[in-house]
Amino acid sequence: MADTTLGVTTAARGIATPGRRRRRYSLLSRRDKVILGAMVLVPTLIQLVLIWIPTVLSVFLSFVRWNGLAFSDIRPGGFANYAYVFRDYPPFWPALQHNILWLVFLAVIATPLGLLLAILLDQNIRGTRIYQSIFFAPVMLSLVLIGVIWQLFYSQNNGLLNFLLGTSGTPQAVDWFGDPHVNIWAAMVAATWRHAGYVMILYLAGLKGVDPSLREAASLDGANAVQTFFRVVFPVMRPINIVIVVITIIESLRAFDIVYIINRGTNGLELISALVIQNLVGEGQVIGVGSALATILLVVSLVPIIIYLSRTFKKEA
């Protein structure tokens, strides 16, 4: 009788017995859970619809023959589209070479230029905010508008560059965008104008986050400014360097707007991205070939990024 009374009293006081589960209390209300779920679900759906589904469909369409009119006209094609691209499609190999050249130019010229601008503007010089805004302004402009601006700059008859060279309006005036021997270089300079500002902002943010005590310690050890930067500051910014490498590779391989504004990616300005659009849009569209080119562009862009990231994280491990 005493044991029964003790058990009732214990349960009444809310003291958990060994056989009962303790109730778990959540710090999030039902409304909080709904909001968090929406914050995760909505971006995931957007990325799924705009990126992953089109990517999978492009890979699928690269193995079929289709005129783009009716789904009933889809026929399996195997690797025929890829064989055509590699063996019988003349613009492909020049376009691939131009993309590689674009990547090298951005990596060797544009990225170091952005790093140099970030180092100079990190010195707390007078008017640094104004300079940052000036160099970052091209990043806020669309590549289409940048192409139009540089068309005015490179114009053969009325362009600023030929005017400065003293050849404007003369037979010696260089057709910067019409000459297939020089137009690729002119387009890459235009792309550098935007890319350098983007790199500058990223590196400037990284430099602001470096612990000042590291520089002071290097200075006490007798290191000069150059040694301090390359041996102390630059290695600390490894996360920024990873982002810069990935962005540079992506920017070089997805370059499209500038060359399409100039001459629709022809006459010395062939790029893989321009060939994709030429085959997917227009009266002479070839869905399978365009999808094969898009898949090749995807693989080419992923390979260097995966290699770089795997080596970087392997060193950290």
C-alpha atoms as a PDB file:
ATOM      1  CA  MET A   1       0.000   0.000   0.000  1.00  0.00           C
ATOM      2  CA  ALA A   2       2.852   2.321   0.844  1.00  0.00           C
ATOM      3  CA  ASP A   3       4.571   1.597  -2.457  1.00  0.00           C
ATOM      4  CA  THR A   4       1.396   2.411  -4.410  1.00  0.00           C
ATOM      5  CA  THR A   5       0.950   5.691  -2.596  1.00  0.00           C
ATOM      6  CA  LEU A   6       4.575   6.608  -3.219  1.00  0.00           C
ATOM      7  CA  GLY A   7       4.206   5.887  -6.952  1.00  0.00           C
ATOM      8  CA  VAL A   8       1.081   8.048  -7.232  1.00  0.00           C
ATOM      9  CA  THR A   9       2.733  10.872  -5.317  1.00  0.00           C
ATOM     10  CA  THR A  10       5.834  10.687  -7.525  1.00  0.00           C
ATOM     11  CA  ALA A  11       3.799  10.784 -10.748  1.00  0.00           C
ATOM     12  CA  ALA A  12       1.703  13.664  -9.436  1.00  0.00           C
ATOM     13  CA  ARG A  13       4.804  15.722  -8.726  1.00  0.00           C
ATOM     14  CA  GLY A  14       6.045  15.176 -12.287  1.00  0.00           C
ATOM     15  CA  ILE A  15       9.174  13.320 -11.269  1.00  0.00           C
ATOM     16  CA  ALA A  16      10.198  11.051 -14.155  1.00  0.00           C
ATOM     17  CA  THR A  17      10.404   7.390 -13.380  1.00  0.00           C
ATOM     18  CA  PRO A  18      12.979   5.168 -15.080  1.00  0.00           C
ATOM     19  CA  GLY A  19      10.335   3.667 -17.376  1.00  0.00           C
ATOM     20  CA  ARG A  20       8.985   6.971 -18.700  1.00  0.00           C
ATOM     21  CA  ARG A  21      10.385   9.088 -21.573  1.00  0.00           C
ATOM     22  CA  ARG A  22      11.312  12.653 -20.905  1.00  0.00           C
ATOM     23  CA  ARG A  23       9.488  15.138 -23.072  1.00  0.00           C
ATOM     24  CA  ARG A  24      11.746  17.113 -25.416  1.00  0.00           C
ATOM     25  CA  TYR A  25      11.203  20.826 -25.751  1.00  0.00           C
ATOM     26  CA  SER A  26      12.220  22.706 -28.915  1.00  0.00           C
ATOM     27  CA  LEU A  27      13.515  26.254 -28.861  1.00  0.00           C
ATOM     28  CA  LEU A  28      11.881  26.835 -32.268  1.00  0.00           C
ATOM     29  CA  SER A  29       8.197  27.473 -32.612  1.00  0.00           C
ATOM     30  CA  ARG A  30       6.132  26.006 -35.416  1.00  0.00           C
ATOM     31  CA  ARG A  31       6.311  29.331 -37.245  1.00  0.00           C
ATOM     32  CA  ASP A  32      10.106  29.364 -36.961  1.00  0.00           C
ATOM     33  CA  LYS A  33      10.302  25.861 -38.416  1.00  0.00           C
ATOM     34  CA  VAL A  34       8.070  26.861 -41.343  1.00  0.00           C
ATOM     35  CA  ILE A  35      10.211  29.934 -42.082  1.00  0.00           C
ATOM     36  CA  LEU A  36      13.467  27.967 -41.896  1.00  0.00           C
ATOM     37  CA  GLY A  37      11.998  25.264 -44.112  1.00  0.00           C
ATOM     38  CA  ALA A  38      10.954  27.869 -46.684  1.00  0.00           C
ATOM     39  CA  MET A  39      14.409  29.495 -46.547  1.00  0.00           C
ATOM     40  CA  VAL A  40      15.980  26.147 -47.421  1.00  0.00           C
ATOM     41  CA  LEU A  41      13.313  24.860 -49.821  1.00  0.00           C
ATOM     42  CA  VAL A  42      12.844  27.952 -52.026  1.00  0.00           C
ATOM     43  CA  PRO A  43      16.530  28.439 -52.977  1.00  0.00           C
ATOM     44  CA  THR A  44      16.851  24.688 -53.501  1.00  0.00           C
ATOM     45  CA  LEU A  45      13.876  24.646 -55.874  1.00  0.00           C
ATOM     46  CA  ILE A  46      15.191  27.688 -57.762  1.00  0.00           C
ATOM     47  CA  GLN A  47      18.593  26.065 -58.204  1.00  0.00           C
ATOM     48  CA  LEU A  48      16.946  22.775 -59.190  1.00  0.00           C
ATOM     49  CA  VAL A  49      14.735  24.391 -61.832  1.00  0.00           C
ATOM     50  CA  LEU A  50      17.261  26.847 -63.265  1.00  0.00           C
ATOM     51  CA  ILE A  51      20.499  24.834 -63.006  1.00  0.00           C
ATOM     52  CA  TRP A  52      20.267  21.115 -62.333  1.00  0.00           C
ATOM     53  CA  ILE A  53      17.270  20.191 -64.481  1.00  0.00           C
ATOM     54  CA  PRO A  54      18.559  22.120 -67.558  1.00  0.00           C
ATOM     55  CA  THR A  55      21.999  20.561 -67.031  1.00  0.00           C
ATOM     56  CA  VAL A  56      20.623  17.023 -66.931  1.00  0.00           C
ATOM     57  CA  LEU A  57      18.409  17.726 -69.955  1.00  0.00           C
ATOM     58  CA  SER A  58      21.369  19.116 -71.895  1.00  0.00           C
ATOM     59  CA  VAL A  59      23.385  15.976 -71.227  1.00  0.00           C
ATOM     60  CA  PHE A  60      20.409  13.841 -72.294  1.00  0.00           C
ATOM     61  CA  LEU A  61      19.778  15.839 -75.479  1.00  0.00           C
ATOM     62  CA  SER A  62      23.436  15.563 -76.457  1.00  0.00           C
ATOM     63  CA  PHE A  63      22.841  11.859 -77.149  1.00  0.00           C
ATOM     64  CA  VAL A  64      19.758  12.285 -79.349  1.00  0.00           C
ATOM     65  CA  ARG A  65      18.747  13.699 -82.716  1.00  0.00           C
ATOM     66  CA  TRP A  66      15.990  16.281 -82.493  1.00  0.00           C
ATOM     67  CA  ASN A  67      14.810  19.224 -84.551  1.00  0.00           C
ATOM     68  CA  GLY A  68      13.328  20.947 -81.498  1.00  0.00           C
ATOM     69  CA  LEU A  69       9.745  20.882 -82.787  1.00  0.00           C
ATOM     70  CA  ALA A  70       7.933  17.821 -81.419  1.00  0.00           C
ATOM     71  CA  PHE A  71       8.901  15.354 -78.709  1.00  0.00           C
ATOM     72  CA  SER A  72       7.835  12.521 -81.011  1.00  0.00           C
ATOM     73  CA  ASP A  73      10.699  13.450 -83.357  1.00  0.00           C
ATOM     74  CA  ILE A  74      13.372  12.633 -80.747  1.00  0.00           C
ATOM     75  CA  ARG A  75      15.588   9.814 -81.980  1.00  0.00           C
ATOM     76  CA  PRO A  76      18.561   8.188 -80.207  1.00  0.00           C
ATOM     77  CA  GLY A  77      21.861   9.322 -81.635  1.00  0.00           C
ATOM     78  CA  GLY A  78      24.492   7.807 -79.386  1.00  0.00           C
ATOM     79  CA  PHE A  79      27.832   9.608 -79.649  1.00  0.00           C
ATOM     80  CA  ALA A  80      27.138  10.897 -83.167  1.00  0.00           C
ATOM     81  CA  ASN A  81      26.818  14.517 -81.999  1.00  0.00           C
ATOM     82  CA  TYR A  82      30.144  14.378 -80.188  1.00  0.00           C
ATOM     83  CA  ALA A  83      31.821  12.715 -83.187  1.00  0.00           C
ATOM     84  CA  TYR A  84      30.491  15.499 -85.414  1.00  0.00           C
ATOM     85  CA  VAL A  85      31.734  18.202 -83.053  1.00  0.00           C
ATOM     86  CA  PHE A  86      35.240  16.778 -82.738  1.00  0.00           C
ATOM     87  CA  ARG A  87      35.758  15.705 -86.359  1.00  0.00           C
ATOM     88  CA  ASP A  88      33.457  17.627 -88.709  1.00  0.00           C
ATOM     89  CA  TYR A  89      32.601  20.945 -87.014  1.00  0.00           C
ATOM     90  CA  PRO A  90      35.265  23.482 -88.107  1.00  0.00           C
ATOM     91  CA  PRO A  91      34.619  26.239 -85.497  1.00  0.00           C
ATOM     92  CA  PHE A  92      35.031  23.917 -82.500  1.00  0.00           C
ATOM     93  CA  TRP A  93      38.808  23.662 -82.216  1.00  0.00           C
ATOM     94  CA  PRO A  94      39.419  27.404 -82.778  1.00  0.00           C
ATOM     95  CA  ALA A  95      36.744  28.094 -80.152  1.00  0.00           C
ATOM     96  CA  LEU A  96      38.418  25.745 -77.673  1.00  0.00           C
ATOM     97  CA  GLN A  97      41.778  27.420 -78.297  1.00  0.00           C
ATOM     98  CA  HIS A  98      40.220  30.849 -77.778  1.00  0.00           C
ATOM     99  CA  ASN A  99      38.668  29.742 -74.491  1.00  0.00           C
ATOM    100  CA  ILE A 100      42.041  28.466 -73.268  1.00  0.00           C
ATOM    101  CA  LEU A 101      43.682  31.711 -74.388  1.00  0.00           C
ATOM    102  CA  TRP A 102      40.952  33.634 -72.556  1.00  0.00           C
ATOM    103  CA  LEU A 103      41.653  31.648 -69.383  1.00  0.00           C
ATOM    104  CA  VAL A 104      45.415  32.227 -69.581  1.00  0.00           C
ATOM    105  CA  PHE A 105      44.931  35.946 -70.235  1.00  0.00           C
ATOM    106  CA  LEU A 106      42.625  36.415 -67.251  1.00  0.00           C
ATOM    107  CA  ALA A 107      44.894  34.326 -65.010  1.00  0.00           C
ATOM    108  CA  VAL A 108      48.149  36.029 -66.039  1.00  0.00           C
ATOM    109  CA  ILE A 109      46.974  39.611 -66.693  1.00  0.00           C
ATOM    110  CA  ALA A 110      43.569  40.389 -65.197  1.00  0.00           C
ATOM    111  CA  THR A 111      43.850  38.569 -61.866  1.00  0.00           C
ATOM    112  CA  PRO A 112      47.329  39.918 -60.949  1.00  0.00           C
ATOM    113  CA  LEU A 113      46.129  43.388 -61.979  1.00  0.00           C
ATOM    114  CA  GLY A 114      43.187  43.112 -59.585  1.00  0.00           C
ATOM    115  CA  LEU A 115      45.533  41.912 -56.834  1.00  0.00           C
ATOM    116  CA  LEU A 116      47.865  44.856 -57.463  1.00  0.00           C
ATOM    117  CA  LEU A 117      44.967  47.321 -57.253  1.00  0.00           C
ATOM    118  CA  ALA A 118      43.831  45.721 -53.976  1.00  0.00           C
ATOM    119  CA  ILE A 119      47.336  46.048 -52.480  1.00  0.00           C
ATOM    120  CA  LEU A 120      47.595  49.696 -53.498  1.00  0.00           C
ATOM    121  CA  LEU A 121      44.148  50.607 -52.181  1.00  0.00           C
ATOM    122  CA  ASP A 122      44.838  48.769 -48.915  1.00  0.00           C
ATOM    123  CA  GLN A 123      47.506  51.354 -48.048  1.00  0.00           C
ATOM    124  CA  ASN A 124      44.893  53.823 -46.706  1.00  0.00           C
ATOM    125  CA  ILE A 125      45.747  56.407 -49.342  1.00  0.00           C
ATOM    126  CA  ARG A 126      43.653  59.557 -49.633  1.00  0.00           C
ATOM    127  CA  GLY A 127      40.487  59.025 -51.645  1.00  0.00           C
ATOM    128  CA  THR A 128      40.695  55.232 -51.483  1.00  0.00           C
ATOM    129  CA  ARG A 129      36.887  54.921 -51.385  1.00  0.00           C
ATOM    130  CA  ILE A 130      36.608  56.907 -54.607  1.00  0.00           C
ATOM    131  CA  TYR A 131      39.211  54.746 -56.342  1.00  0.00           C
ATOM    132  CA  GLN A 132      37.468  51.593 -55.168  1.00  0.00           C
ATOM    133  CA  SER A 133      34.181  52.824 -56.625  1.00  0.00           C
ATOM    134  CA  ILE A 134      35.838  53.727 -59.939  1.00  0.00           C
ATOM    135  CA  PHE A 135      37.529  50.357 -60.375  1.00  0.00           C
ATOM    136  CA  PHE A 136      34.472  48.425 -59.171  1.00  0.00           C
ATOM    137  CA  ALA A 137      32.027  50.296 -61.437  1.00  0.00           C
ATOM    138  CA  PRO A 138      32.543  47.940 -64.453  1.00  0.00           C
ATOM    139  CA  VAL A 139      31.536  44.971 -62.277  1.00  0.00           C
ATOM    140  CA  MET A 140      28.095  46.478 -61.793  1.00  0.00           C
ATOM    141  CA  LEU A 141      27.634  46.883 -65.547  1.00  0.00           C
ATOM    142  CA  SER A 142      26.357  44.050 -67.710  1.00  0.00           C
ATOM    143  CA  LEU A 143      28.788  42.501 -70.171  1.00  0.00           C
ATOM    144  CA  VAL A 144      26.470  43.600 -72.983  1.00  0.00           C
ATOM    145  CA  LEU A 145      26.868  47.234 -71.970  1.00  0.00           C
ATOM    146  CA  ILE A 146      30.609  46.746 -71.565  1.00  0.00           C
ATOM    147  CA  GLY A 147      30.728  45.387 -75.117  1.00  0.00           C
ATOM    148  CA  VAL A 148      28.911  48.472 -76.403  1.00  0.00           C
ATOM    149  CA  ILE A 149      31.276  50.804 -74.513  1.00  0.00           C
ATOM    150  CA  TRP A 150      34.346  49.095 -75.934  1.00  0.00           C
ATOM    151  CA  GLN A 151      32.853  49.137 -79.408  1.00  0.00           C
ATOM    152  CA  LEU A 152      32.860  52.925 -79.165  1.00  0.00           C
ATOM    153  CA  PHE A 153      36.425  52.837 -77.862  1.00  0.00           C
ATOM    154  CA  TYR A 154      37.681  50.484 -80.603  1.00  0.00           C
ATOM    155  CA  SER A 155      35.696  51.934 -83.516  1.00  0.00           C
ATOM    156  CA  GLN A 156      37.836  52.085 -86.650  1.00  0.00           C
ATOM    157  CA  ASN A 157      36.685  55.491 -87.861  1.00  0.00           C
ATOM    158  CA  ASN A 158      35.556  57.342 -84.737  1.00  0.00           C
ATOM    159  CA  GLY A 159      37.031  55.309 -81.884  1.00  0.00           C
ATOM    160  CA  LEU A 160      39.011  56.885 -79.079  1.00  0.00           C
ATOM    161  CA  LEU A 161      41.942  54.478 -79.431  1.00  0.00           C
ATOM    162  CA  ASN A 162      42.572  55.233 -83.108  1.00  0.00           C
ATOM    163  CA  PHE A 163      42.152  58.930 -82.325  1.00  0.00           C
ATOM    164  CA  LEU A 164      44.880  58.701 -79.672  1.00  0.00           C
ATOM    165  CA  LEU A 165      47.082  56.802 -82.136  1.00  0.00           C
ATOM    166  CA  GLY A 166      46.533  59.526 -84.747  1.00  0.00           C
ATOM    167  CA  THR A 167      45.102  57.099 -87.318  1.00  0.00           C
ATOM    168  CA  SER A 168      41.391  57.885 -86.975  1.00  0.00           C
ATOM    169  CA  GLY A 169      39.763  58.472 -90.344  1.00  0.00           C
ATOM    170  CA  THR A 170      42.833  57.315 -92.295  1.00  0.00           C
ATOM    171  CA  PRO A 171      43.568  54.076 -94.182  1.00  0.00           C
ATOM    172  CA  GLN A 172      46.047  53.192 -91.421  1.00  0.00           C
ATOM    173  CA  ALA A 173      43.271  52.995 -88.832  1.00  0.00           C
ATOM    174  CA  VAL A 174      43.152  49.567 -87.208  1.00  0.00           C
ATOM    175  CA  ASP A 175      39.856  47.700 -87.328  1.00  0.00           C
ATOM    176  CA  TRP A 176      40.192  46.340 -83.785  1.00  0.00           C
ATOM    177  CA  PHE A 177      36.989  44.297 -83.836  1.00  0.00           C
ATOM    178  CA  GLY A 178      36.942  43.442 -87.550  1.00  0.00           C
ATOM    179  CA  ASP A 179      40.479  42.148 -87.950  1.00  0.00           C
ATOM    180  CA  PRO A 180      40.520  38.450 -86.931  1.00  0.00           C
ATOM    181  CA  HIS A 181      44.186  38.725 -85.960  1.00  0.00           C
ATOM    182  CA  VAL A 182      43.638  41.353 -83.260  1.00  0.00           C
ATOM    183  CA  ASN A 183      39.966  41.243 -82.271  1.00  0.00           C
ATOM    184  CA  ILE A 184      40.416  38.392 -79.756  1.00  0.00           C
ATOM    185  CA  TRP A 185      43.040  40.470 -77.918  1.00  0.00           C
ATOM    186  CA  ALA A 186      40.829  43.549 -77.971  1.00  0.00           C
ATOM    187  CA  ALA A 187      37.921  41.526 -76.541  1.00  0.00           C
ATOM    188  CA  MET A 188      40.116  40.088 -73.771  1.00  0.00           C
ATOM    189  CA  VAL A 189      41.239  43.585 -72.764  1.00  0.00           C
ATOM    190  CA  ALA A 190      37.577  44.577 -72.503  1.00  0.00           C
ATOM    191  CA  ALA A 191      36.899  41.514 -70.328  1.00  0.00           C
ATOM    192  CA  THR A 192      39.920  42.365 -68.164  1.00  0.00           C
ATOM    193  CA  TRP A 193      38.449  45.794 -67.418  1.00  0.00           C
ATOM    194  CA  ARG A 194      35.575  44.091 -65.601  1.00  0.00           C
ATOM    195  CA  HIS A 195      37.356  41.070 -64.160  1.00  0.00           C
ATOM    196  CA  ALA A 196      40.156  43.094 -62.535  1.00  0.00           C
ATOM    197  CA  GLY A 197      37.645  45.150 -60.555  1.00  0.00           C
ATOM    198  CA  TYR A 198      35.905  42.008 -59.319  1.00  0.00           C
ATOM    199  CA  VAL A 199      39.197  40.446 -58.208  1.00  0.00           C
ATOM    200  CA  MET A 200      40.228  43.716 -56.561  1.00  0.00           C
ATOM    201  CA  ILE A 201      37.157  43.803 -54.310  1.00  0.00           C
ATOM    202  CA  LEU A 202      37.587  40.174 -53.251  1.00  0.00           C
ATOM    203  CA  TYR A 203      41.275  40.565 -52.440  1.00  0.00           C
ATOM    204  CA  LEU A 204      40.652  43.879 -50.717  1.00  0.00           C
ATOM    205  CA  ALA A 205      38.157  42.163 -48.420  1.00  0.00           C
ATOM    206  CA  GLY A 206      40.708  39.437 -47.759  1.00  0.00           C
ATOM    207  CA  LEU A 207      43.457  41.945 -46.944  1.00  0.00           C
ATOM    208  CA  LYS A 208      41.190  43.725 -44.467  1.00  0.00           C
ATOM    209  CA  GLY A 209      40.658  40.423 -42.660  1.00  0.00           C
ATOM    210  CA  VAL A 210      44.355  39.614 -42.175  1.00  0.00           C
ATOM    211  CA  ASP A 211      45.497  39.866 -38.550  1.00  0.00           C
ATOM    212  CA  PRO A 212      47.786  42.945 -38.240  1.00  0.00           C
ATOM    213  CA  SER A 213      49.921  41.104 -35.687  1.00  0.00           C
ATOM    214  CA  LEU A 214      51.167  38.798 -38.479  1.00  0.00           C
ATOM    215  CA  ARG A 215      52.618  41.730 -40.365  1.00  0.00           C
ATOM    216  CA  GLU A 216      54.121  43.166 -37.202  1.00  0.00           C
ATOM    217  CA  ALA A 217      55.778  39.845 -36.392  1.00  0.00           C
ATOM    218  CA  ALA A 218      57.191  39.591 -39.922  1.00  0.00           C
ATOM    219  CA  SER A 219      58.495  43.152 -39.674  1.00  0.00           C
ATOM    220  CA  LEU A 220      60.232  42.378 -36.372  1.00  0.00           C
ATOM    221  CA  ASP A 221      61.869  39.366 -38.044  1.00  0.00           C
ATOM    222  CA  GLY A 222      63.369  41.708 -40.655  1.00  0.00           C
ATOM    223  CA  ALA A 223      61.089  40.894 -43.593  1.00  0.00           C
ATOM    224  CA  ASN A 224      60.463  43.681 -46.100  1.00  0.00           C
ATOM    225  CA  ALA A 225      57.043  44.514 -47.568  1.00  0.00           C
ATOM    226  CA  VAL A 226      57.337  42.114 -50.510  1.00  0.00           C
ATOM    227  CA  GLN A 227      58.513  39.212 -48.353  1.00  0.00           C
ATOM    228  CA  THR A 228      55.779  39.906 -45.802  1.00  0.00           C
ATOM    229  CA  PHE A 229      53.087  39.805 -48.451  1.00  0.00           C
ATOM    230  CA  PHE A 230      54.141  36.652 -50.323  1.00  0.00           C
ATOM    231  CA  ARG A 231      55.300  34.639 -47.300  1.00  0.00           C
ATOM    232  CA  VAL A 232      52.799  35.729 -44.662  1.00  0.00           C
ATOM    233  CA  VAL A 233      49.782  37.634 -46.009  1.00  0.00           C
ATOM    234  CA  PHE A 234      49.131  35.800 -49.293  1.00  0.00           C
ATOM    235  CA  PRO A 235      49.171  32.269 -47.778  1.00  0.00           C
ATOM    236  CA  VAL A 236      46.721  33.400 -45.081  1.00  0.00           C
ATOM    237  CA  MET A 237      44.255  34.401 -47.819  1.00  0.00           C
ATOM    238  CA  ARG A 238      43.986  30.826 -49.134  1.00  0.00           C
ATOM    239  CA  PRO A 239      40.146  30.796 -48.999  1.00  0.00           C
ATOM    240  CA  ILE A 240      40.081  33.961 -51.116  1.00  0.00           C
ATOM    241  CA  ASN A 241      42.596  32.442 -53.526  1.00  0.00           C
ATOM    242  CA  ILE A 242      40.341  29.407 -54.004  1.00  0.00           C
ATOM    243  CA  VAL A 243      37.384  31.650 -54.820  1.00  0.00           C
ATOM    244  CA  ILE A 244      39.485  33.698 -57.252  1.00  0.00           C
ATOM    245  CA  VAL A 245      40.700  30.602 -59.107  1.00  0.00           C
ATOM    246  CA  VAL A 246      37.181  29.217 -59.471  1.00  0.00           C
ATOM    247  CA  ILE A 247      35.793  32.578 -60.607  1.00  0.00           C
ATOM    248  CA  THR A 248      38.594  33.067 -63.136  1.00  0.00           C
ATOM    249  CA  ILE A 249      37.995  29.642 -64.692  1.00  0.00           C
ATOM    250  CA  ILE A 250      34.237  30.173 -64.848  1.00  0.00           C
ATOM    251  CA  GLU A 251      34.555  33.684 -66.304  1.00  0.00           C
ATOM    252  CA  SER A 252      36.934  32.505 -69.024  1.00  0.00           C
ATOM    253  CA  LEU A 253      34.757  29.580 -70.092  1.00  0.00           C
ATOM    254  CA  ARG A 254      31.378  31.290 -69.959  1.00  0.00           C
ATOM    255  CA  ALA A 255      32.575  34.400 -71.827  1.00  0.00           C
ATOM    256  CA  PHE A 256      29.853  35.157 -74.343  1.00  0.00           C
ATOM    257  CA  ASP A 257      28.286  38.602 -74.135  1.00  0.00           C
ATOM    258  CA  ILE A 258      31.214  40.662 -75.397  1.00  0.00           C
ATOM    259  CA  VAL A 259      32.041  38.516 -78.425  1.00  0.00           C
ATOM    260  CA  TYR A 260      28.361  38.136 -79.315  1.00  0.00           C
ATOM    261  CA  ILE A 261      27.898  41.913 -79.263  1.00  0.00           C
ATOM    262  CA  ILE A 262      30.989  42.386 -81.445  1.00  0.00           C
ATOM    263  CA  ASN A 263      30.285  39.935 -84.278  1.00  0.00           C
ATOM    264  CA  ARG A 264      28.160  37.086 -82.848  1.00  0.00           C
ATOM    265  CA  GLY A 265      31.248  35.037 -82.053  1.00  0.00           C
ATOM    266  CA  THR A 266      32.585  34.691 -85.596  1.00  0.00           C
ATOM    267  CA  ASN A 267      35.579  35.897 -87.655  1.00  0.00           C
ATOM    268  CA  GLY A 268      38.259  35.186 -85.058  1.00  0.00           C
ATOM    269  CA  LEU A 269      36.052  35.444 -81.950  1.00  0.00           C
ATOM    270  CA  GLU A 270      34.743  31.888 -81.822  1.00  0.00           C
ATOM    271  CA  LEU A 271      34.058  30.706 -78.264  1.00  0.00           C
ATOM    272  CA  ILE A 272      32.340  27.494 -77.159  1.00  0.00           C
ATOM    273  CA  SER A 273      29.564  29.438 -75.424  1.00  0.00           C
ATOM    274  CA  ALA A 274      28.860  31.341 -78.659  1.00  0.00           C
ATOM    275  CA  LEU A 275      28.746  28.084 -80.617  1.00  0.00           C
ATOM    276  CA  VAL A 276      26.207  26.697 -78.137  1.00  0.00           C
ATOM    277  CA  ILE A 277      23.857  29.619 -78.784  1.00  0.00           C
ATOM    278  CA  GLN A 278      24.373  29.422 -82.542  1.00  0.00           C
ATOM    279  CA  ASN A 279      23.247  25.789 -82.543  1.00  0.00           C
ATOM    280  CA  LEU A 280      20.382  26.121 -80.054  1.00  0.00           C
ATOM    281  CA  VAL A 281      18.791  29.363 -81.293  1.00  0.00           C
ATOM    282  CA  GLY A 282      17.738  30.366 -84.785  1.00  0.00           C
ATOM    283  CA  GLU A 283      16.397  28.777 -87.924  1.00  0.00           C
ATOM    284  CA  GLY A 284      19.286  26.363 -88.352  1.00  0.00           C
ATOM    285  CA  GLN A 285      19.134  25.058 -84.816  1.00  0.00           C
ATOM    286  CA  VAL A 286      20.674  21.676 -84.104  1.00  0.00           C
ATOM    287  CA  ILE A 287      19.593  20.725 -80.595  1.00  0.00           C
ATOM    288  CA  GLY A 288      21.818  17.673 -80.298  1.00  0.00           C
ATOM    289  CA  VAL A 289      24.988  19.455 -81.425  1.00  0.00           C
ATOM    290  CA  GLY A 290      24.276  22.471 -79.237  1.00  0.00           C
ATOM    291  CA  SER A 291      23.677  20.239 -76.217  1.00  0.00           C
ATOM    292  CA  ALA A 292      26.885  18.316 -76.934  1.00  0.00           C
ATOM    293  CA  LEU A 293      28.825  21.592 -77.015  1.00  0.00           C
ATOM    294  CA  ALA A 294      27.199  22.662 -73.738  1.00  0.00           C
ATOM    295  CA  THR A 295      28.143  19.352 -72.129  1.00  0.00           C
ATOM    296  CA  ILE A 296      31.725  19.675 -73.356  1.00  0.00           C
ATOM    297  CA  LEU A 297      31.868  23.185 -71.907  1.00  0.00           C
ATOM    298  CA  LEU A 298      30.570  21.850 -68.581  1.00  0.00           C
ATOM    299  CA  VAL A 299      33.226  19.114 -68.453  1.00  0.00           C
ATOM    300  CA  VAL A 300      36.025  21.482 -69.485  1.00  0.00           C
ATOM    301  CA  SER A 301      35.044  23.923 -66.744  1.00  0.00           C
ATOM    302  CA  LEU A 302      34.705  21.275 -64.034  1.00  0.00           C
ATOM    303  CA  VAL A 303      37.997  19.455 -64.640  1.00  0.00           C
ATOM    304  CA  PRO A 304      40.430  22.277 -63.660  1.00  0.00           C
ATOM    305  CA  ILE A 305      38.221  23.340 -60.751  1.00  0.00           C
ATOM    306  CA  ILE A 306      38.039  19.814 -59.312  1.00  0.00           C
ATOM    307  CA  ILE A 307      41.795  19.275 -59.752  1.00  0.00           C
ATOM    308  CA  TYR A 308      42.645  22.554 -58.045  1.00  0.00           C
ATOM    309  CA  LEU A 309      40.218  22.075 -55.156  1.00  0.00           C
ATOM    310  CA  SER A 310      41.267  18.476 -54.555  1.00  0.00           C
ATOM    311  CA  ARG A 311      44.942  19.437 -54.381  1.00  0.00           C
ATOM    312  CA  THR A 312      44.225  22.416 -52.156  1.00  0.00           C
ATOM    313  CA  PHE A 313      42.147  20.496 -49.626  1.00  0.00           C
ATOM    314  CA  LYS A 314      44.569  17.564 -49.744  1.00  0.00           C
ATOM    315  CA  LYS A 315      47.380  19.888 -48.662  1.00  0.00           C
ATOM    316  CA  GLU A 316      45.271  21.262 -45.811  1.00  0.00           C
ATOM    317  CA  ALA A 317      44.454  17.726 -44.613  1.00  0.00           C
END
